[in-house]
Amino acid sequence: MTMKTREVARLFGVTPYTVVRWSRRGLLTPGTTPSGHLRFDRAQVMDLYRGANGEDT
């Protein structure tokens, strides 16, 4: 299952542009839709979220 850039941003409390920057830095690996929109793997996003909140994965 995938998440949109806006959904990831909402989860972390950041702007969508911050999520795009994270993907450029390699923190998240996006896939793209045929129209070029970014989509993020929900499991990878949740792993990053847990790590950012100090939870064990």
PDB file of N, CA and C in Angstrom:
ATOM      1  N   MET A   1       0.839  -1.177   0.000  1.00  0.00           N
ATOM      2  CA  MET A   1       0.000   0.000   0.000  1.00  0.00           C
ATOM      3  C   MET A   1       0.889   1.246   0.000  1.00  0.00           C
ATOM      4  N   THR A   2       0.453   2.278  -0.652  1.00  0.00           N
ATOM      5  CA  THR A   2       1.264   3.485  -0.773  1.00  0.00           C
ATOM      6  C   THR A   2       0.576   4.691  -0.145  1.00  0.00           C
ATOM      7  N   MET A   3       1.376   5.713   0.075  1.00  0.00           N
ATOM      8  CA  MET A   3       0.872   6.963   0.642  1.00  0.00           C
ATOM      9  C   MET A   3       1.278   8.122  -0.274  1.00  0.00           C
ATOM     10  N   LYS A   4       0.410   9.111  -0.355  1.00  0.00           N
ATOM     11  CA  LYS A   4       0.712  10.318  -1.110  1.00  0.00           C
ATOM     12  C   LYS A   4       1.648  11.204  -0.301  1.00  0.00           C
ATOM     13  N   THR A   5       2.317  12.109  -0.994  1.00  0.00           N
ATOM     14  CA  THR A   5       3.232  13.047  -0.344  1.00  0.00           C
ATOM     15  C   THR A   5       2.509  13.816   0.755  1.00  0.00           C
ATOM     16  N   ARG A   6       1.326  14.282   0.490  1.00  0.00           N
ATOM     17  CA  ARG A   6       0.548  15.047   1.467  1.00  0.00           C
ATOM     18  C   ARG A   6       0.213  14.209   2.707  1.00  0.00           C
ATOM     19  N   GLU A   7      -0.094  12.929   2.509  1.00  0.00           N
ATOM     20  CA  GLU A   7      -0.409  12.049   3.637  1.00  0.00           C
ATOM     21  C   GLU A   7       0.813  11.844   4.535  1.00  0.00           C
ATOM     22  N   VAL A   8       1.969  11.661   3.917  1.00  0.00           N
ATOM     23  CA  VAL A   8       3.205  11.506   4.689  1.00  0.00           C
ATOM     24  C   VAL A   8       3.491  12.790   5.464  1.00  0.00           C
ATOM     25  N   ALA A   9       3.323  13.919   4.810  1.00  0.00           N
ATOM     26  CA  ALA A   9       3.565  15.212   5.458  1.00  0.00           C
ATOM     27  C   ALA A   9       2.650  15.397   6.659  1.00  0.00           C
ATOM     28  N   ARG A  10       1.403  15.049   6.517  1.00  0.00           N
ATOM     29  CA  ARG A  10       0.443  15.174   7.617  1.00  0.00           C
ATOM     30  C   ARG A  10       0.834  14.296   8.804  1.00  0.00           C
ATOM     31  N   LEU A  11       1.281  13.087   8.519  1.00  0.00           N
ATOM     32  CA  LEU A  11       1.689  12.161   9.568  1.00  0.00           C
ATOM     33  C   LEU A  11       2.841  12.739  10.395  1.00  0.00           C
ATOM     34  N   PHE A  12       3.811  13.349   9.719  1.00  0.00           N
ATOM     35  CA  PHE A  12       4.990  13.885  10.396  1.00  0.00           C
ATOM     36  C   PHE A  12       4.813  15.324  10.876  1.00  0.00           C
ATOM     37  N   GLY A  13       3.759  15.985  10.431  1.00  0.00           N
ATOM     38  CA  GLY A  13       3.552  17.376  10.814  1.00  0.00           C
ATOM     39  C   GLY A  13       4.500  18.330  10.107  1.00  0.00           C
ATOM     40  N   VAL A  14       4.800  18.024   8.840  1.00  0.00           N
ATOM     41  CA  VAL A  14       5.697  18.857   8.037  1.00  0.00           C
ATOM     42  C   VAL A  14       4.987  19.220   6.730  1.00  0.00           C
ATOM     43  N   THR A  15       5.641  20.045   5.923  1.00  0.00           N
ATOM     44  CA  THR A  15       5.069  20.399   4.625  1.00  0.00           C
ATOM     45  C   THR A  15       5.357  19.299   3.605  1.00  0.00           C
ATOM     46  N   PRO A  16       4.543  19.217   2.553  1.00  0.00           N
ATOM     47  CA  PRO A  16       4.833  18.244   1.498  1.00  0.00           C
ATOM     48  C   PRO A  16       6.226  18.445   0.881  1.00  0.00           C
ATOM     49  N   TYR A  17       6.680  19.687   0.794  1.00  0.00           N
ATOM     50  CA  TYR A  17       8.009  19.930   0.230  1.00  0.00           C
ATOM     51  C   TYR A  17       9.099  19.279   1.088  1.00  0.00           C
ATOM     52  N   THR A  18       8.911  19.259   2.398  1.00  0.00           N
ATOM     53  CA  THR A  18       9.881  18.594   3.276  1.00  0.00           C
ATOM     54  C   THR A  18       9.960  17.109   2.944  1.00  0.00           C
ATOM     55  N   VAL A  19       8.837  16.490   2.679  1.00  0.00           N
ATOM     56  CA  VAL A  19       8.818  15.070   2.307  1.00  0.00           C
ATOM     57  C   VAL A  19       9.576  14.861   0.998  1.00  0.00           C
ATOM     58  N   VAL A  20       9.406  15.758   0.048  1.00  0.00           N
ATOM     59  CA  VAL A  20      10.143  15.677  -1.219  1.00  0.00           C
ATOM     60  C   VAL A  20      11.639  15.789  -0.949  1.00  0.00           C
ATOM     61  N   ARG A  21      12.038  16.704  -0.075  1.00  0.00           N
ATOM     62  CA  ARG A  21      13.467  16.840   0.273  1.00  0.00           C
ATOM     63  C   ARG A  21      13.985  15.571   0.925  1.00  0.00           C
ATOM     64  N   TRP A  22      13.194  14.962   1.803  1.00  0.00           N
ATOM     65  CA  TRP A  22      13.611  13.698   2.420  1.00  0.00           C
ATOM     66  C   TRP A  22      13.858  12.640   1.356  1.00  0.00           C
ATOM     67  N   SER A  23      12.993  12.593   0.353  1.00  0.00           N
ATOM     68  CA  SER A  23      13.175  11.582  -0.699  1.00  0.00           C
ATOM     69  C   SER A  23      14.445  11.871  -1.506  1.00  0.00           C
ATOM     70  N   ARG A  24      14.760  13.133  -1.717  1.00  0.00           N
ATOM     71  CA  ARG A  24      15.988  13.498  -2.434  1.00  0.00           C
ATOM     72  C   ARG A  24      17.230  13.140  -1.629  1.00  0.00           C
ATOM     73  N   ARG A  25      17.128  13.191  -0.308  1.00  0.00           N
ATOM     74  CA  ARG A  25      18.254  12.846   0.575  1.00  0.00           C
ATOM     75  C   ARG A  25      18.354  11.349   0.822  1.00  0.00           C
ATOM     76  N   GLY A  26      17.359  10.586   0.368  1.00  0.00           N
ATOM     77  CA  GLY A  26      17.404   9.144   0.512  1.00  0.00           C
ATOM     78  C   GLY A  26      16.755   8.600   1.773  1.00  0.00           C
ATOM     79  N   LEU A  27      16.066   9.451   2.542  1.00  0.00           N
ATOM     80  CA  LEU A  27      15.376   8.961   3.740  1.00  0.00           C
ATOM     81  C   LEU A  27      14.163   8.113   3.381  1.00  0.00           C
ATOM     82  N   LEU A  28      13.530   8.441   2.271  1.00  0.00           N
ATOM     83  CA  LEU A  28      12.388   7.686   1.763  1.00  0.00           C
ATOM     84  C   LEU A  28      12.621   7.414   0.285  1.00  0.00           C
ATOM     85  N   THR A  29      12.207   6.242  -0.169  1.00  0.00           N
ATOM     86  CA  THR A  29      12.356   5.884  -1.573  1.00  0.00           C
ATOM     87  C   THR A  29      10.979   5.904  -2.232  1.00  0.00           C
ATOM     88  N   PRO A  30      10.717   6.916  -3.053  1.00  0.00           N
ATOM     89  CA  PRO A  30       9.389   7.000  -3.660  1.00  0.00           C
ATOM     90  C   PRO A  30       9.271   6.186  -4.933  1.00  0.00           C
ATOM     91  N   GLY A  31       8.053   5.796  -5.188  1.00  0.00           N
ATOM     92  CA  GLY A  31       7.693   5.295  -6.505  1.00  0.00           C
ATOM     93  C   GLY A  31       6.960   6.438  -7.183  1.00  0.00           C
ATOM     94  N   THR A  32       6.612   6.278  -8.430  1.00  0.00           N
ATOM     95  CA  THR A  32       5.869   7.334  -9.117  1.00  0.00           C
ATOM     96  C   THR A  32       4.665   6.750  -9.839  1.00  0.00           C
ATOM     97  N   THR A  33       3.667   7.593  -9.981  1.00  0.00           N
ATOM     98  CA  THR A  33       2.505   7.229 -10.778  1.00  0.00           C
ATOM     99  C   THR A  33       2.846   7.483 -12.244  1.00  0.00           C
ATOM    100  N   PRO A  34       2.029   7.002 -13.169  1.00  0.00           N
ATOM    101  CA  PRO A  34       2.296   7.284 -14.586  1.00  0.00           C
ATOM    102  C   PRO A  34       2.366   8.785 -14.888  1.00  0.00           C
ATOM    103  N   SER A  35       1.683   9.590 -14.091  1.00  0.00           N
ATOM    104  CA  SER A  35       1.708  11.045 -14.321  1.00  0.00           C
ATOM    105  C   SER A  35       2.845  11.738 -13.579  1.00  0.00           C
ATOM    106  N   GLY A  36       3.702  10.960 -12.866  1.00  0.00           N
ATOM    107  CA  GLY A  36       4.884  11.520 -12.231  1.00  0.00           C
ATOM    108  C   GLY A  36       4.732  11.912 -10.767  1.00  0.00           C
ATOM    109  N   HIS A  37       3.577  11.650 -10.170  1.00  0.00           N
ATOM    110  CA  HIS A  37       3.374  11.978  -8.755  1.00  0.00           C
ATOM    111  C   HIS A  37       4.088  10.953  -7.879  1.00  0.00           C
ATOM    112  N   LEU A  38       4.636  11.419  -6.771  1.00  0.00           N
ATOM    113  CA  LEU A  38       5.365  10.534  -5.864  1.00  0.00           C
ATOM    114  C   LEU A  38       4.399   9.731  -5.007  1.00  0.00           C
ATOM    115  N   ARG A  39       4.764   8.483  -4.754  1.00  0.00           N
ATOM    116  CA  ARG A  39       4.032   7.613  -3.834  1.00  0.00           C
ATOM    117  C   ARG A  39       5.062   6.915  -2.970  1.00  0.00           C
ATOM    118  N   PHE A  40       4.744   6.784  -1.689  1.00  0.00           N
ATOM    119  CA  PHE A  40       5.687   6.222  -0.725  1.00  0.00           C
ATOM    120  C   PHE A  40       5.111   4.948  -0.122  1.00  0.00           C
ATOM    121  N   ASP A  41       5.982   3.953   0.052  1.00  0.00           N
ATOM    122  CA  ASP A  41       5.585   2.682   0.643  1.00  0.00           C
ATOM    123  C   ASP A  41       5.212   2.906   2.111  1.00  0.00           C
ATOM    124  N   ARG A  42       4.011   2.513   2.486  1.00  0.00           N
ATOM    125  CA  ARG A  42       3.510   2.757   3.840  1.00  0.00           C
ATOM    126  C   ARG A  42       4.405   2.126   4.911  1.00  0.00           C
ATOM    127  N   ALA A  43       4.918   0.933   4.661  1.00  0.00           N
ATOM    128  CA  ALA A  43       5.778   0.257   5.645  1.00  0.00           C
ATOM    129  C   ALA A  43       7.062   1.046   5.869  1.00  0.00           C
ATOM    130  N   GLN A  44       7.662   1.561   4.802  1.00  0.00           N
ATOM    131  CA  GLN A  44       8.886   2.349   4.936  1.00  0.00           C
ATOM    132  C   GLN A  44       8.602   3.655   5.684  1.00  0.00           C
ATOM    133  N   VAL A  45       7.481   4.287   5.379  1.00  0.00           N
ATOM    134  CA  VAL A  45       7.103   5.530   6.065  1.00  0.00           C
ATOM    135  C   VAL A  45       6.907   5.267   7.553  1.00  0.00           C
ATOM    136  N   MET A  46       6.230   4.183   7.892  1.00  0.00           N
ATOM    137  CA  MET A  46       5.962   3.888   9.300  1.00  0.00           C
ATOM    138  C   MET A  46       7.256   3.527  10.036  1.00  0.00           C
ATOM    139  N   ASP A  47       8.194   2.864   9.366  1.00  0.00           N
ATOM    140  CA  ASP A  47       9.504   2.587   9.981  1.00  0.00           C
ATOM    141  C   ASP A  47      10.223   3.891  10.310  1.00  0.00           C
ATOM    142  N   LEU A  48      10.210   4.837   9.374  1.00  0.00           N
ATOM    143  CA  LEU A  48      10.840   6.132   9.610  1.00  0.00           C
ATOM    144  C   LEU A  48      10.126   6.872  10.734  1.00  0.00           C
ATOM    145  N   TYR A  49       8.809   6.792  10.754  1.00  0.00           N
ATOM    146  CA  TYR A  49       8.016   7.465  11.787  1.00  0.00           C
ATOM    147  C   TYR A  49       8.349   6.904  13.177  1.00  0.00           C
ATOM    148  N   ARG A  50       8.408   5.592  13.267  1.00  0.00           N
ATOM    149  CA  ARG A  50       8.739   4.958  14.556  1.00  0.00           C
ATOM    150  C   ARG A  50      10.147   5.349  15.011  1.00  0.00           C
ATOM    151  N   GLY A  51      11.081   5.380  14.076  1.00  0.00           N
ATOM    152  CA  GLY A  51      12.447   5.775  14.397  1.00  0.00           C
ATOM    153  C   GLY A  51      12.530   7.235  14.832  1.00  0.00           C
ATOM    154  N   ALA A  52      11.745   8.079  14.200  1.00  0.00           N
ATOM    155  CA  ALA A  52      11.751   9.507  14.551  1.00  0.00           C
ATOM    156  C   ALA A  52      11.139   9.744  15.924  1.00  0.00           C
ATOM    157  N   ASN A  53      10.285   8.836  16.352  1.00  0.00           N
ATOM    158  CA  ASN A  53       9.625   8.974  17.650  1.00  0.00           C
ATOM    159  C   ASN A  53      10.274   8.117  18.733  1.00  0.00           C
ATOM    160  N   GLY A  54      11.442   7.562  18.432  1.00  0.00           N
ATOM    161  CA  GLY A  54      12.187   6.802  19.419  1.00  0.00           C
ATOM    162  C   GLY A  54      11.641   5.433  19.735  1.00  0.00           C
ATOM    163  N   GLU A  55      10.778   4.911  18.878  1.00  0.00           N
ATOM    164  CA  GLU A  55      10.227   3.575  19.090  1.00  0.00           C
ATOM    165  C   GLU A  55      11.129   2.541  18.425  1.00  0.00           C
ATOM    166  N   ASP A  56      11.177   1.354  18.980  1.00  0.00           N
ATOM    167  CA  ASP A  56      11.923   0.263  18.359  1.00  0.00           C
ATOM    168  C   ASP A  56      11.139  -0.262  17.174  1.00  0.00           C
ATOM    169  N   THR A  57      11.850  -0.681  16.132  1.00  0.00           N
ATOM    170  CA  THR A  57      11.164  -1.227  14.946  1.00  0.00           C
ATOM    171  C   THR A  57      11.138  -2.713  14.982  1.00  0.00           C
TER     172      THR A  57
END
